[in-house]
Amino acid sequence: MPSDLPVLTSTPARADHAVRAAGRALARLGRSDLGGHVVLTAGHDGPSGDLTAQERAVARAVERALRRRPLRLPPAPPAPPAPPG
């Protein structure tokens, strides 16, 4: 779940590897300005003990979440005033 606040959190709370993976994915995508919440759930065979597989899954989830989220561009600068006359 992406957030405009640049803080990353997770459920379960001690999933530090997942939070780091999400941060790396955001940085790779040029969106280090964002944060969000990572929720780890068990697969159909139960939770995976493979941290590398979990990190890959988190990176893919971050990419998908950003594709669904509209890009927020900085506001355009104001137009210069019209010349007199």
Protein backbone atom coordinates (compact mmCIF):
# COMPACT_ATOMS: atom_id res chain seq x y z
CA MET A 1 0.00 0.00 0.00
CA PRO A 2 1.89 3.09 -1.22
CA SER A 3 1.90 6.26 0.83
CA ASP A 4 3.07 9.82 0.29
CA LEU A 5 4.72 9.67 3.72
CA PRO A 6 8.31 8.42 3.21
CA VAL A 7 8.05 5.76 5.93
CA LEU A 8 7.97 2.01 5.32
CA THR A 9 6.26 -0.36 7.76
CA SER A 10 5.22 -4.00 7.67
CA THR A 11 2.84 -6.61 9.02
CA PRO A 12 4.18 -8.62 10.76
CA ALA A 13 6.01 -5.78 12.44
CA ARG A 14 9.46 -7.43 12.45
CA ALA A 15 9.65 -8.17 8.71
CA ASP A 16 12.75 -6.02 8.31
CA HIS A 17 13.90 -7.88 5.19
CA ALA A 18 10.59 -7.07 3.48
CA VAL A 19 10.80 -3.40 4.44
CA ARG A 20 14.35 -3.19 3.06
CA ALA A 21 13.25 -4.94 -0.15
CA ALA A 22 10.39 -2.45 -0.56
CA GLY A 23 12.82 0.45 -0.04
CA ARG A 24 15.21 -0.95 -2.65
CA ALA A 25 12.34 -1.42 -5.12
CA LEU A 26 11.13 2.16 -4.61
CA ALA A 27 14.68 3.47 -5.09
CA ARG A 28 15.17 1.39 -8.25
CA LEU A 29 11.91 2.82 -9.62
CA GLY A 30 12.98 6.39 -8.79
CA ARG A 31 10.31 6.78 -6.10
CA SER A 32 12.33 6.97 -2.90
CA ASP A 33 10.07 9.86 -1.93
CA LEU A 34 7.27 7.37 -1.20
CA GLY A 35 6.67 5.03 1.70
CA GLY A 36 3.99 2.53 2.46
CA HIS A 37 2.94 -0.58 4.31
CA VAL A 38 3.98 -4.12 3.33
CA VAL A 39 1.69 -6.96 4.40
CA LEU A 40 3.24 -10.43 4.27
CA THR A 41 0.75 -13.27 3.93
CA ALA A 42 1.27 -17.01 3.69
CA GLY A 43 1.07 -18.67 0.30
CA HIS A 44 -1.17 -21.63 -0.47
CA ASP A 45 1.48 -23.96 1.03
CA GLY A 46 2.01 -21.84 4.14
CA PRO A 47 4.64 -19.21 4.84
CA SER A 48 7.88 -19.47 2.93
CA GLY A 49 11.05 -19.60 4.97
CA ASP A 50 12.96 -18.42 1.89
CA LEU A 51 13.76 -14.76 2.58
CA THR A 52 15.06 -14.24 -0.95
CA ALA A 53 11.74 -15.41 -2.40
CA GLN A 54 9.88 -13.12 -0.01
CA GLU A 55 12.06 -10.16 -1.05
CA ARG A 56 11.39 -10.85 -4.75
CA ALA A 57 7.66 -11.05 -4.04
CA VAL A 58 7.77 -7.74 -2.15
CA ALA A 59 9.63 -6.05 -5.03
CA ARG A 60 7.01 -7.30 -7.52
CA ALA A 61 4.20 -6.14 -5.24
CA VAL A 62 5.75 -2.66 -4.98
CA GLU A 63 6.04 -2.45 -8.78
CA ARG A 64 2.40 -3.51 -9.24
CA ALA A 65 1.18 -1.08 -6.58
CA LEU A 66 2.97 1.82 -8.26
CA ARG A 67 1.52 0.89 -11.66
CA ARG A 68 -1.98 1.15 -10.19
CA ARG A 69 -1.22 4.45 -8.46
CA PRO A 70 -1.46 7.59 -10.58
CA LEU A 71 1.82 9.46 -10.82
CA ARG A 72 1.71 12.66 -8.80
CA LEU A 73 3.75 15.31 -10.53
CA PRO A 74 4.97 18.44 -8.78
CA PRO A 75 2.77 21.47 -9.46
CA ALA A 76 3.65 23.45 -12.56
CA PRO A 77 5.22 26.85 -11.97
CA PRO A 78 2.86 29.79 -12.43
CA ALA A 79 2.72 31.35 -15.88
CA PRO A 80 4.67 34.58 -16.30
CA PRO A 81 2.56 37.71 -16.35
CA ALA A 82 1.46 39.01 -19.74
CA PRO A 83 3.59 41.85 -21.10
CA PRO A 84 1.98 45.27 -20.76
CA GLY A 85 0.33 46.79 -23.63
